[in-house]
Amino acid sequence: MIEHNAATPEGQRIVFRVGINLGDVIVEGDDIYGDGVNVPARLEALAEPGGISVSGVVHDQVWGCLESNLRILVSRS
């Protein structure tokens, strides 16, 4: 996306935000819901454009396992 956006006018760029949580996902027909869906949707709204927000549960599971220079926003809700 970085390469694509570099050659694209600012108003037409695609920039993702991602929210990640560990939780149950319930599937009924074409519908999905549960904490595994709802919490990441809220976390996504907290992420900066091009950023990733993770829940406290995810943070606790991966802390010390990843080598990264990423700034991670942790939600303790």
PDB file of N, CA and C in Angstrom:
ATOM      1  N   MET A   1       0.817  -1.182   0.000  1.00  0.00           N
ATOM      2  CA  MET A   1       0.000   0.000   0.000  1.00  0.00           C
ATOM      3  C   MET A   1       0.867   1.253   0.000  1.00  0.00           C
ATOM      4  N   ILE A   2       2.017   1.201   0.659  1.00  0.00           N
ATOM      5  CA  ILE A   2       2.881   2.378   0.705  1.00  0.00           C
ATOM      6  C   ILE A   2       3.320   2.766  -0.696  1.00  0.00           C
ATOM      7  N   GLU A   3       3.719   1.777  -1.488  1.00  0.00           N
ATOM      8  CA  GLU A   3       4.149   2.053  -2.859  1.00  0.00           C
ATOM      9  C   GLU A   3       2.987   2.569  -3.692  1.00  0.00           C
ATOM     10  N   HIS A   4       1.816   1.949  -3.541  1.00  0.00           N
ATOM     11  CA  HIS A   4       0.627   2.379  -4.280  1.00  0.00           C
ATOM     12  C   HIS A   4       0.265   3.809  -3.905  1.00  0.00           C
ATOM     13  N   ASN A   5       0.245   4.112  -2.619  1.00  0.00           N
ATOM     14  CA  ASN A   5      -0.154   5.439  -2.158  1.00  0.00           C
ATOM     15  C   ASN A   5       0.828   6.528  -2.554  1.00  0.00           C
ATOM     16  N   ALA A   6       2.102   6.177  -2.710  1.00  0.00           N
ATOM     17  CA  ALA A   6       3.108   7.170  -3.080  1.00  0.00           C
ATOM     18  C   ALA A   6       2.803   7.802  -4.435  1.00  0.00           C
ATOM     19  N   ALA A   7       2.188   7.020  -5.319  1.00  0.00           N
ATOM     20  CA  ALA A   7       1.881   7.511  -6.662  1.00  0.00           C
ATOM     21  C   ALA A   7       0.421   7.914  -6.808  1.00  0.00           C
ATOM     22  N   THR A   8      -0.304   8.017  -5.700  1.00  0.00           N
ATOM     23  CA  THR A   8      -1.737   8.297  -5.730  1.00  0.00           C
ATOM     24  C   THR A   8      -2.009   9.634  -5.059  1.00  0.00           C
ATOM     25  N   PRO A   9      -2.875  10.466  -5.647  1.00  0.00           N
ATOM     26  CA  PRO A   9      -3.220  11.739  -5.003  1.00  0.00           C
ATOM     27  C   PRO A   9      -3.779  11.499  -3.593  1.00  0.00           C
ATOM     28  N   GLU A  10      -3.497  12.422  -2.676  1.00  0.00           N
ATOM     29  CA  GLU A  10      -3.837  12.236  -1.266  1.00  0.00           C
ATOM     30  C   GLU A  10      -5.301  11.871  -1.032  1.00  0.00           C
ATOM     31  N   GLY A  11      -6.210  12.476  -1.726  1.00  0.00           N
ATOM     32  CA  GLY A  11      -7.629  12.205  -1.541  1.00  0.00           C
ATOM     33  C   GLY A  11      -8.084  10.841  -2.036  1.00  0.00           C
ATOM     34  N   GLN A  12      -7.219  10.134  -2.767  1.00  0.00           N
ATOM     35  CA  GLN A  12      -7.574   8.831  -3.324  1.00  0.00           C
ATOM     36  C   GLN A  12      -6.764   7.684  -2.731  1.00  0.00           C
ATOM     37  N   ARG A  13      -5.941   7.974  -1.719  1.00  0.00           N
ATOM     38  CA  ARG A  13      -5.100   6.945  -1.109  1.00  0.00           C
ATOM     39  C   ARG A  13      -5.937   6.003  -0.247  1.00  0.00           C
ATOM     40  N   ILE A  14      -5.483   4.767  -0.169  1.00  0.00           N
ATOM     41  CA  ILE A  14      -6.107   3.768   0.693  1.00  0.00           C
ATOM     42  C   ILE A  14      -5.209   3.593   1.910  1.00  0.00           C
ATOM     43  N   VAL A  15      -5.779   3.847   3.087  1.00  0.00           N
ATOM     44  CA  VAL A  15      -5.023   3.704   4.330  1.00  0.00           C
ATOM     45  C   VAL A  15      -5.863   2.857   5.285  1.00  0.00           C
ATOM     46  N   PHE A  16      -5.290   1.759   5.746  1.00  0.00           N
ATOM     47  CA  PHE A  16      -6.008   0.843   6.625  1.00  0.00           C
ATOM     48  C   PHE A  16      -5.772   1.180   8.092  1.00  0.00           C
ATOM     49  N   ARG A  17      -6.728   0.823   8.916  1.00  0.00           N
ATOM     50  CA  ARG A  17      -6.604   0.815  10.376  1.00  0.00           C
ATOM     51  C   ARG A  17      -7.014  -0.589  10.793  1.00  0.00           C
ATOM     52  N   VAL A  18      -6.351  -1.142  11.813  1.00  0.00           N
ATOM     53  CA  VAL A  18      -6.633  -2.510  12.227  1.00  0.00           C
ATOM     54  C   VAL A  18      -6.808  -2.565  13.738  1.00  0.00           C
ATOM     55  N   GLY A  19      -7.819  -3.319  14.183  1.00  0.00           N
ATOM     56  CA  GLY A  19      -8.014  -3.614  15.593  1.00  0.00           C
ATOM     57  C   GLY A  19      -7.923  -5.114  15.795  1.00  0.00           C
ATOM     58  N   ILE A  20      -7.190  -5.547  16.831  1.00  0.00           N
ATOM     59  CA  ILE A  20      -6.988  -6.973  17.068  1.00  0.00           C
ATOM     60  C   ILE A  20      -7.354  -7.309  18.514  1.00  0.00           C
ATOM     61  N   ASN A  21      -8.139  -8.369  18.684  1.00  0.00           N
ATOM     62  CA  ASN A  21      -8.543  -8.859  20.000  1.00  0.00           C
ATOM     63  C   ASN A  21      -8.614 -10.380  19.959  1.00  0.00           C
ATOM     64  N   LEU A  22      -8.497 -11.002  21.126  1.00  0.00           N
ATOM     65  CA  LEU A  22      -8.737 -12.432  21.262  1.00  0.00           C
ATOM     66  C   LEU A  22     -10.090 -12.594  21.924  1.00  0.00           C
ATOM     67  N   GLY A  23     -11.006 -13.268  21.267  1.00  0.00           N
ATOM     68  CA  GLY A  23     -12.324 -13.464  21.846  1.00  0.00           C
ATOM     69  C   GLY A  23     -13.150 -14.393  20.991  1.00  0.00           C
ATOM     70  N   ASP A  24     -14.268 -14.803  21.547  1.00  0.00           N
ATOM     71  CA  ASP A  24     -15.165 -15.704  20.839  1.00  0.00           C
ATOM     72  C   ASP A  24     -15.854 -15.001  19.681  1.00  0.00           C
ATOM     73  N   VAL A  25     -16.002 -15.732  18.591  1.00  0.00           N
ATOM     74  CA  VAL A  25     -16.756 -15.265  17.423  1.00  0.00           C
ATOM     75  C   VAL A  25     -17.894 -16.255  17.221  1.00  0.00           C
ATOM     76  N   ILE A  26     -19.095 -15.738  17.147  1.00  0.00           N
ATOM     77  CA  ILE A  26     -20.286 -16.574  16.954  1.00  0.00           C
ATOM     78  C   ILE A  26     -20.762 -16.382  15.523  1.00  0.00           C
ATOM     79  N   VAL A  27     -20.972 -17.503  14.831  1.00  0.00           N
ATOM     80  CA  VAL A  27     -21.430 -17.464  13.447  1.00  0.00           C
ATOM     81  C   VAL A  27     -22.813 -18.083  13.390  1.00  0.00           C
ATOM     82  N   GLU A  28     -23.763 -17.305  12.880  1.00  0.00           N
ATOM     83  CA  GLU A  28     -25.126 -17.796  12.661  1.00  0.00           C
ATOM     84  C   GLU A  28     -25.552 -17.372  11.258  1.00  0.00           C
ATOM     85  N   GLY A  29     -25.562 -18.314  10.358  1.00  0.00           N
ATOM     86  CA  GLY A  29     -25.891 -17.981   8.972  1.00  0.00           C
ATOM     87  C   GLY A  29     -24.837 -17.055   8.399  1.00  0.00           C
ATOM     88  N   ASP A  30     -25.272 -15.905   7.899  1.00  0.00           N
ATOM     89  CA  ASP A  30     -24.364 -14.909   7.333  1.00  0.00           C
ATOM     90  C   ASP A  30     -23.899 -13.889   8.368  1.00  0.00           C
ATOM     91  N   ASP A  31     -24.353 -14.011   9.621  1.00  0.00           N
ATOM     92  CA  ASP A  31     -24.009 -13.057  10.673  1.00  0.00           C
ATOM     93  C   ASP A  31     -22.866 -13.571  11.530  1.00  0.00           C
ATOM     94  N   ILE A  32     -21.974 -12.667  11.915  1.00  0.00           N
ATOM     95  CA  ILE A  32     -20.936 -12.985  12.900  1.00  0.00           C
ATOM     96  C   ILE A  32     -20.991 -11.918  13.977  1.00  0.00           C
ATOM     97  N   TYR A  33     -20.811 -12.332  15.226  1.00  0.00           N
ATOM     98  CA  TYR A  33     -20.812 -11.381  16.325  1.00  0.00           C
ATOM     99  C   TYR A  33     -20.075 -11.972  17.512  1.00  0.00           C
ATOM    100  N   GLY A  34     -19.991 -11.226  18.589  1.00  0.00           N
ATOM    101  CA  GLY A  34     -19.268 -11.639  19.782  1.00  0.00           C
ATOM    102  C   GLY A  34     -18.086 -10.723  20.037  1.00  0.00           C
ATOM    103  N   ASP A  35     -17.405 -10.937  21.181  1.00  0.00           N
ATOM    104  CA  ASP A  35     -16.259 -10.091  21.537  1.00  0.00           C
ATOM    105  C   ASP A  35     -15.142 -10.139  20.502  1.00  0.00           C
ATOM    106  N   GLY A  36     -15.011 -11.246  19.813  1.00  0.00           N
ATOM    107  CA  GLY A  36     -13.982 -11.370  18.781  1.00  0.00           C
ATOM    108  C   GLY A  36     -14.241 -10.515  17.561  1.00  0.00           C
ATOM    109  N   VAL A  37     -15.449  -9.962  17.479  1.00  0.00           N
ATOM    110  CA  VAL A  37     -15.824  -9.078  16.365  1.00  0.00           C
ATOM    111  C   VAL A  37     -16.023  -7.650  16.869  1.00  0.00           C
ATOM    112  N   ASN A  38     -16.744  -7.498  17.968  1.00  0.00           N
ATOM    113  CA  ASN A  38     -17.117  -6.167  18.462  1.00  0.00           C
ATOM    114  C   ASN A  38     -15.938  -5.375  19.011  1.00  0.00           C
ATOM    115  N   VAL A  39     -15.099  -6.011  19.820  1.00  0.00           N
ATOM    116  CA  VAL A  39     -13.960  -5.304  20.405  1.00  0.00           C
ATOM    117  C   VAL A  39     -12.971  -4.835  19.329  1.00  0.00           C
ATOM    118  N   PRO A  40     -12.590  -5.687  18.370  1.00  0.00           N
ATOM    119  CA  PRO A  40     -11.681  -5.194  17.320  1.00  0.00           C
ATOM    120  C   PRO A  40     -12.267  -4.024  16.520  1.00  0.00           C
ATOM    121  N   ALA A  41     -13.575  -4.021  16.331  1.00  0.00           N
ATOM    122  CA  ALA A  41     -14.197  -2.905  15.612  1.00  0.00           C
ATOM    123  C   ALA A  41     -13.998  -1.602  16.379  1.00  0.00           C
ATOM    124  N   ARG A  42     -14.106  -1.668  17.695  1.00  0.00           N
ATOM    125  CA  ARG A  42     -13.883  -0.466  18.513  1.00  0.00           C
ATOM    126  C   ARG A  42     -12.411  -0.082  18.522  1.00  0.00           C
ATOM    127  N   LEU A  43     -11.535  -1.076  18.614  1.00  0.00           N
ATOM    128  CA  LEU A  43     -10.098  -0.805  18.612  1.00  0.00           C
ATOM    129  C   LEU A  43      -9.645  -0.191  17.294  1.00  0.00           C
ATOM    130  N   GLU A  44     -10.218  -0.658  16.214  1.00  0.00           N
ATOM    131  CA  GLU A  44      -9.871  -0.126  14.884  1.00  0.00           C
ATOM    132  C   GLU A  44     -10.109   1.370  14.839  1.00  0.00           C
ATOM    133  N   ALA A  45     -11.172   1.830  15.469  1.00  0.00           N
ATOM    134  CA  ALA A  45     -11.487   3.257  15.467  1.00  0.00           C
ATOM    135  C   ALA A  45     -10.441   4.064  16.243  1.00  0.00           C
ATOM    136  N   LEU A  46      -9.724   3.430  17.171  1.00  0.00           N
ATOM    137  CA  LEU A  46      -8.697   4.113  17.953  1.00  0.00           C
ATOM    138  C   LEU A  46      -7.357   4.195  17.235  1.00  0.00           C
ATOM    139  N   ALA A  47      -7.150   3.318  16.265  1.00  0.00           N
ATOM    140  CA  ALA A  47      -5.867   3.276  15.557  1.00  0.00           C
ATOM    141  C   ALA A  47      -5.693   4.503  14.670  1.00  0.00           C
ATOM    142  N   GLU A  48      -4.465   4.952  14.572  1.00  0.00           N
ATOM    143  CA  GLU A  48      -4.145   6.020  13.629  1.00  0.00           C
ATOM    144  C   GLU A  48      -4.218   5.448  12.214  1.00  0.00           C
ATOM    145  N   PRO A  49      -4.423   6.290  11.215  1.00  0.00           N
ATOM    146  CA  PRO A  49      -4.390   5.779   9.842  1.00  0.00           C
ATOM    147  C   PRO A  49      -3.075   5.043   9.587  1.00  0.00           C
ATOM    148  N   GLY A  50      -3.185   3.825   9.076  1.00  0.00           N
ATOM    149  CA  GLY A  50      -2.017   2.989   8.852  1.00  0.00           C
ATOM    150  C   GLY A  50      -1.557   2.260  10.108  1.00  0.00           C
ATOM    151  N   GLY A  51      -2.318   2.388  11.207  1.00  0.00           N
ATOM    152  CA  GLY A  51      -1.905   1.824  12.480  1.00  0.00           C
ATOM    153  C   GLY A  51      -2.695   0.605  12.909  1.00  0.00           C
ATOM    154  N   ILE A  52      -2.248   0.005  14.009  1.00  0.00           N
ATOM    155  CA  ILE A  52      -2.875  -1.180  14.580  1.00  0.00           C
ATOM    156  C   ILE A  52      -3.099  -0.924  16.065  1.00  0.00           C
ATOM    157  N   SER A  53      -4.295  -1.229  16.560  1.00  0.00           N
ATOM    158  CA  SER A  53      -4.596  -1.190  17.993  1.00  0.00           C
ATOM    159  C   SER A  53      -4.862  -2.618  18.438  1.00  0.00           C
ATOM    160  N   VAL A  54      -4.309  -2.980  19.587  1.00  0.00           N
ATOM    161  CA  VAL A  54      -4.541  -4.322  20.122  1.00  0.00           C
ATOM    162  C   VAL A  54      -5.154  -4.196  21.513  1.00  0.00           C
ATOM    163  N   SER A  55      -5.927  -5.210  21.893  1.00  0.00           N
ATOM    164  CA  SER A  55      -6.509  -5.236  23.232  1.00  0.00           C
ATOM    165  C   SER A  55      -5.436  -5.607  24.245  1.00  0.00           C
ATOM    166  N   GLY A  56      -5.743  -5.395  25.519  1.00  0.00           N
ATOM    167  CA  GLY A  56      -4.823  -5.774  26.576  1.00  0.00           C
ATOM    168  C   GLY A  56      -4.519  -7.258  26.563  1.00  0.00           C
ATOM    169  N   VAL A  57      -5.517  -8.080  26.237  1.00  0.00           N
ATOM    170  CA  VAL A  57      -5.319  -9.532  26.175  1.00  0.00           C
ATOM    171  C   VAL A  57      -4.284  -9.877  25.099  1.00  0.00           C
ATOM    172  N   VAL A  58      -4.402  -9.277  23.945  1.00  0.00           N
ATOM    173  CA  VAL A  58      -3.438  -9.529  22.862  1.00  0.00           C
ATOM    174  C   VAL A  58      -2.054  -9.042  23.289  1.00  0.00           C
ATOM    175  N   HIS A  59      -1.999  -7.864  23.849  1.00  0.00           N
ATOM    176  CA  HIS A  59      -0.725  -7.314  24.314  1.00  0.00           C
ATOM    177  C   HIS A  59      -0.041  -8.283  25.267  1.00  0.00           C
ATOM    178  N   ASP A  60      -0.794  -8.774  26.269  1.00  0.00           N
ATOM    179  CA  ASP A  60      -0.227  -9.682  27.259  1.00  0.00           C
ATOM    180  C   ASP A  60       0.254 -10.993  26.634  1.00  0.00           C
ATOM    181  N   GLN A  61      -0.423 -11.457  25.594  1.00  0.00           N
ATOM    182  CA  GLN A  61      -0.047 -12.713  24.940  1.00  0.00           C
ATOM    183  C   GLN A  61       1.216 -12.584  24.097  1.00  0.00           C
ATOM    184  N   VAL A  62       1.448 -11.423  23.499  1.00  0.00           N
ATOM    185  CA  VAL A  62       2.578 -11.282  22.577  1.00  0.00           C
ATOM    186  C   VAL A  62       3.745 -10.487  23.150  1.00  0.00           C
ATOM    187  N   TRP A  63       3.558  -9.859  24.339  1.00  0.00           N
ATOM    188  CA  TRP A  63       4.620  -9.035  24.909  1.00  0.00           C
ATOM    189  C   TRP A  63       5.887  -9.871  25.084  1.00  0.00           C
ATOM    190  N   GLY A  64       6.987  -9.395  24.564  1.00  0.00           N
ATOM    191  CA  GLY A  64       8.252 -10.103  24.658  1.00  0.00           C
ATOM    192  C   GLY A  64       8.468 -11.144  23.576  1.00  0.00           C
ATOM    193  N   CYS A  65       7.433 -11.437  22.794  1.00  0.00           N
ATOM    194  CA  CYS A  65       7.551 -12.433  21.732  1.00  0.00           C
ATOM    195  C   CYS A  65       7.880 -11.807  20.383  1.00  0.00           C
ATOM    196  N   LEU A  66       7.632 -10.514  20.256  1.00  0.00           N
ATOM    197  CA  LEU A  66       7.833  -9.832  18.986  1.00  0.00           C
ATOM    198  C   LEU A  66       8.964  -8.830  19.095  1.00  0.00           C
ATOM    199  N   GLU A  67       9.805  -8.803  18.096  1.00  0.00           N
ATOM    200  CA  GLU A  67      10.813  -7.764  17.983  1.00  0.00           C
ATOM    201  C   GLU A  67      10.277  -6.746  16.998  1.00  0.00           C
ATOM    202  N   SER A  68      10.016  -5.547  17.491  1.00  0.00           N
ATOM    203  CA  SER A  68       9.384  -4.567  16.626  1.00  0.00           C
ATOM    204  C   SER A  68       9.650  -3.165  17.129  1.00  0.00           C
ATOM    205  N   ASN A  69       9.613  -2.229  16.220  1.00  0.00           N
ATOM    206  CA  ASN A  69       9.698  -0.817  16.554  1.00  0.00           C
ATOM    207  C   ASN A  69       8.329  -0.164  16.471  1.00  0.00           C
ATOM    208  N   LEU A  70       7.274  -0.969  16.468  1.00  0.00           N
ATOM    209  CA  LEU A  70       5.935  -0.437  16.341  1.00  0.00           C
ATOM    210  C   LEU A  70       5.471   0.189  17.642  1.00  0.00           C
ATOM    211  N   ARG A  71       4.720   1.279  17.529  1.00  0.00           N
ATOM    212  CA  ARG A  71       4.057   1.872  18.686  1.00  0.00           C
ATOM    213  C   ARG A  71       2.688   1.236  18.761  1.00  0.00           C
ATOM    214  N   ILE A  72       2.403   0.543  19.858  1.00  0.00           N
ATOM    215  CA  ILE A  72       1.145  -0.178  19.988  1.00  0.00           C
ATOM    216  C   ILE A  72       0.278   0.518  21.014  1.00  0.00           C
ATOM    217  N   LEU A  73      -0.953   0.830  20.622  1.00  0.00           N
ATOM    218  CA  LEU A  73      -1.938   1.407  21.519  1.00  0.00           C
ATOM    219  C   LEU A  73      -2.682   0.268  22.187  1.00  0.00           C
ATOM    220  N   VAL A  74      -2.624   0.204  23.498  1.00  0.00           N
ATOM    221  CA  VAL A  74      -3.251  -0.884  24.237  1.00  0.00           C
ATOM    222  C   VAL A  74      -4.496  -0.368  24.935  1.00  0.00           C
ATOM    223  N   SER A  75      -5.609  -1.026  24.699  1.00  0.00           N
ATOM    224  CA  SER A  75      -6.858  -0.693  25.366  1.00  0.00           C
ATOM    225  C   SER A  75      -7.056  -1.680  26.508  1.00  0.00           C
ATOM    226  N   ARG A  76      -7.273  -1.169  27.697  1.00  0.00           N
ATOM    227  CA  ARG A  76      -7.500  -2.038  28.864  1.00  0.00           C
ATOM    228  C   ARG A  76      -8.976  -2.171  29.177  1.00  0.00           C
ATOM    229  N   SER A  77      -9.835  -1.901  28.208  1.00  0.00           N
ATOM    230  CA  SER A  77     -11.278  -2.011  28.454  1.00  0.00           C
ATOM    231  C   SER A  77     -11.791  -3.393  28.144  1.00  0.00           C
TER     232      SER A  77
END
